[in-house]
């Protein structure tokens, strides 16, 4: 399946990353933690990358288990 130029995966969505960055900034503010400029955006990007990586690991493990010989 090919993506058209205006379509992109959800984890590349700037809207989702912005919402995550805002949520991180609000949570940090309520906890009394000061975050430097740009830190919420970096944290949101890192969280999205972590989720994508863990998802790929889960798929790889699942495929390996599905192909394994049943005993």
N, C-alpha and C. Protein backbone atom coordinates (compact mmCIF):
# COMPACT_ATOMS: atom_id res chain seq x y z
N UNK A 1 0.84 -1.16 0.00
CA UNK A 1 0.00 0.00 0.00
C UNK A 1 0.89 1.23 0.00
N UNK A 2 0.69 2.11 -0.96
CA UNK A 2 1.51 3.31 -1.03
C UNK A 2 0.75 4.48 -0.42
N UNK A 3 1.47 5.34 0.22
CA UNK A 3 0.88 6.52 0.83
C UNK A 3 0.95 7.68 -0.14
N UNK A 4 -0.15 8.40 -0.28
CA UNK A 4 -0.13 9.59 -1.10
C UNK A 4 0.61 10.68 -0.35
N UNK A 5 0.97 11.76 -1.04
CA UNK A 5 1.80 12.79 -0.43
C UNK A 5 1.16 13.43 0.80
N UNK A 6 -0.19 13.52 0.85
CA UNK A 6 -0.82 14.14 2.01
C UNK A 6 -1.09 13.16 3.13
N UNK A 7 -0.88 11.87 2.91
CA UNK A 7 -1.09 10.86 3.94
C UNK A 7 0.24 10.51 4.61
N UNK A 8 0.19 10.27 5.93
CA UNK A 8 1.38 9.84 6.64
C UNK A 8 0.96 9.02 7.84
N UNK A 9 1.86 8.20 8.32
CA UNK A 9 1.51 7.39 9.50
C UNK A 9 1.18 8.28 10.70
N UNK A 10 0.35 7.75 11.59
CA UNK A 10 -0.10 8.52 12.76
C UNK A 10 1.06 8.97 13.63
N UNK A 11 2.12 8.14 13.77
CA UNK A 11 3.22 8.55 14.67
C UNK A 11 4.06 9.66 14.07
N UNK A 12 3.86 10.01 12.79
CA UNK A 12 4.54 11.15 12.18
C UNK A 12 3.68 12.41 12.19
N UNK A 13 2.50 12.32 12.79
CA UNK A 13 1.56 13.43 12.81
C UNK A 13 2.07 14.53 13.74
N UNK A 14 2.16 15.72 13.20
CA UNK A 14 2.57 16.85 14.03
C UNK A 14 1.51 17.19 15.06
N UNK A 15 0.24 16.92 14.73
CA UNK A 15 -0.83 17.19 15.69
C UNK A 15 -0.68 16.29 16.91
N UNK A 16 -0.45 14.98 16.70
CA UNK A 16 -0.28 14.08 17.84
C UNK A 16 0.95 14.43 18.65
N UNK A 17 2.03 14.78 17.98
CA UNK A 17 3.25 15.15 18.70
C UNK A 17 3.04 16.44 19.49
N UNK A 18 2.29 17.38 18.91
CA UNK A 18 2.01 18.64 19.61
C UNK A 18 1.15 18.40 20.84
N UNK A 19 0.14 17.56 20.70
CA UNK A 19 -0.72 17.24 21.84
C UNK A 19 0.09 16.56 22.93
N UNK A 20 0.97 15.64 22.54
CA UNK A 20 1.81 14.96 23.53
C UNK A 20 2.75 15.95 24.20
N UNK A 21 3.32 16.87 23.44
CA UNK A 21 4.23 17.87 24.02
C UNK A 21 3.49 18.78 24.99
N UNK A 22 2.27 19.17 24.63
CA UNK A 22 1.47 20.01 25.53
C UNK A 22 1.14 19.25 26.81
N UNK A 23 0.77 17.98 26.68
CA UNK A 23 0.44 17.17 27.85
C UNK A 23 1.66 17.03 28.77
N UNK A 24 2.83 16.83 28.18
CA UNK A 24 4.06 16.72 28.97
C UNK A 24 4.35 18.03 29.69
N UNK A 25 4.19 19.15 28.99
CA UNK A 25 4.46 20.46 29.60
C UNK A 25 3.48 20.75 30.74
N UNK A 26 2.20 20.42 30.53
CA UNK A 26 1.20 20.65 31.58
C UNK A 26 1.49 19.77 32.79
N UNK A 27 1.78 18.49 32.55
CA UNK A 27 2.08 17.57 33.66
C UNK A 27 3.31 18.02 34.43
N UNK A 28 4.33 18.46 33.71
CA UNK A 28 5.55 18.94 34.38
C UNK A 28 5.24 20.20 35.20
N UNK A 29 4.43 21.08 34.64
CA UNK A 29 4.07 22.30 35.35
C UNK A 29 3.30 22.01 36.63
N UNK A 30 2.37 21.07 36.56
CA UNK A 30 1.59 20.70 37.75
C UNK A 30 2.46 20.01 38.79
N UNK A 31 3.50 19.31 38.33
CA UNK A 31 4.41 18.64 39.26
C UNK A 31 5.48 19.59 39.79
N UNK A 32 5.51 20.82 39.25
CA UNK A 32 6.48 21.80 39.71
C UNK A 32 7.86 21.61 39.11
N UNK A 33 7.93 20.90 37.98
CA UNK A 33 9.21 20.64 37.32
C UNK A 33 9.39 21.64 36.18
N UNK A 34 10.54 22.30 36.16
CA UNK A 34 10.84 23.23 35.09
C UNK A 34 11.49 22.48 33.93
N UNK A 35 10.94 22.66 32.74
CA UNK A 35 11.52 22.07 31.53
C UNK A 35 12.04 23.18 30.64
N UNK A 36 13.25 23.06 30.14
CA UNK A 36 13.78 24.08 29.23
C UNK A 36 12.99 24.12 27.92
N UNK A 37 13.13 25.20 27.18
CA UNK A 37 12.45 25.34 25.89
C UNK A 37 12.82 24.18 24.98
N UNK A 38 11.82 23.59 24.36
CA UNK A 38 12.04 22.49 23.43
C UNK A 38 12.05 21.11 24.06
N UNK A 39 12.16 21.05 25.39
CA UNK A 39 12.23 19.75 26.06
C UNK A 39 10.93 18.95 25.91
N UNK A 40 9.75 19.56 26.05
CA UNK A 40 8.53 18.77 25.86
C UNK A 40 8.42 18.16 24.45
N UNK A 41 8.85 18.91 23.44
CA UNK A 41 8.82 18.39 22.07
C UNK A 41 9.78 17.23 21.90
N UNK A 42 10.96 17.35 22.48
CA UNK A 42 11.95 16.26 22.40
C UNK A 42 11.46 15.02 23.14
N UNK A 43 10.86 15.21 24.31
CA UNK A 43 10.32 14.09 25.07
C UNK A 43 9.18 13.41 24.30
N UNK A 44 8.31 14.21 23.70
CA UNK A 44 7.20 13.63 22.93
C UNK A 44 7.75 12.82 21.75
N UNK A 45 8.73 13.35 21.05
CA UNK A 45 9.34 12.61 19.93
C UNK A 45 10.00 11.33 20.40
N UNK A 46 10.67 11.38 21.54
CA UNK A 46 11.32 10.19 22.08
C UNK A 46 10.30 9.13 22.49
N UNK A 47 9.20 9.56 23.07
CA UNK A 47 8.15 8.62 23.46
C UNK A 47 7.55 7.96 22.23
N UNK A 48 7.29 8.73 21.17
CA UNK A 48 6.75 8.16 19.95
C UNK A 48 7.73 7.16 19.33
N UNK A 49 9.02 7.50 19.34
CA UNK A 49 10.03 6.57 18.80
C UNK A 49 10.11 5.30 19.64
N UNK A 50 10.01 5.43 20.95
CA UNK A 50 10.03 4.26 21.84
C UNK A 50 8.84 3.35 21.56
N UNK A 51 7.67 3.94 21.41
CA UNK A 51 6.46 3.15 21.13
C UNK A 51 6.60 2.42 19.80
N UNK A 52 7.11 3.11 18.78
CA UNK A 52 7.28 2.48 17.47
C UNK A 52 8.29 1.35 17.54
N UNK A 53 9.39 1.55 18.25
CA UNK A 53 10.42 0.52 18.38
C UNK A 53 9.89 -0.70 19.13
N UNK A 54 9.20 -0.46 20.23
CA UNK A 54 8.63 -1.58 20.99
C UNK A 54 7.58 -2.33 20.16
N UNK A 55 6.84 -1.62 19.36
CA UNK A 55 5.88 -2.28 18.48
C UNK A 55 6.56 -3.17 17.46
N UNK A 56 7.66 -2.69 16.88
CA UNK A 56 8.40 -3.51 15.91
C UNK A 56 9.02 -4.73 16.57
N UNK A 57 9.50 -4.57 17.81
CA UNK A 57 10.05 -5.72 18.55
C UNK A 57 8.95 -6.73 18.82
N UNK A 58 7.77 -6.25 19.21
CA UNK A 58 6.64 -7.14 19.45
C UNK A 58 6.24 -7.91 18.20
N UNK A 59 6.23 -7.25 17.06
CA UNK A 59 5.91 -7.92 15.80
C UNK A 59 6.96 -8.98 15.49
N UNK A 60 8.23 -8.65 15.68
CA UNK A 60 9.30 -9.62 15.39
C UNK A 60 9.20 -10.84 16.30
N UNK A 61 8.93 -10.61 17.58
CA UNK A 61 8.78 -11.73 18.52
C UNK A 61 7.57 -12.58 18.14
N UNK A 62 6.48 -11.93 17.81
CA UNK A 62 5.27 -12.66 17.42
C UNK A 62 5.48 -13.49 16.17
N UNK A 63 6.18 -12.94 15.19
CA UNK A 63 6.45 -13.68 13.96
C UNK A 63 7.37 -14.86 14.22
N UNK A 64 8.35 -14.65 15.09
CA UNK A 64 9.27 -15.74 15.42
C UNK A 64 8.53 -16.86 16.15
N UNK A 65 7.68 -16.49 17.08
CA UNK A 65 6.91 -17.52 17.81
C UNK A 65 5.93 -18.24 16.89
N UNK A 66 5.36 -17.52 15.92
CA UNK A 66 4.42 -18.15 15.00
C UNK A 66 5.11 -19.13 14.08
N UNK A 67 6.38 -18.90 13.78
CA UNK A 67 7.11 -19.78 12.86
C UNK A 67 7.84 -20.90 13.60
N UNK A 68 7.89 -20.82 14.91
CA UNK A 68 8.61 -21.84 15.69
C UNK A 68 7.87 -23.17 15.64
N UNK A 69 8.65 -24.23 15.74
CA UNK A 69 8.08 -25.57 15.73
C UNK A 69 7.34 -25.83 17.04
N UNK A 70 6.12 -26.32 16.93
CA UNK A 70 5.35 -26.63 18.12
C UNK A 70 5.85 -27.94 18.71
N UNK A 71 6.00 -27.99 20.00
CA UNK A 71 6.49 -29.23 20.62
C UNK A 71 5.39 -29.94 21.38
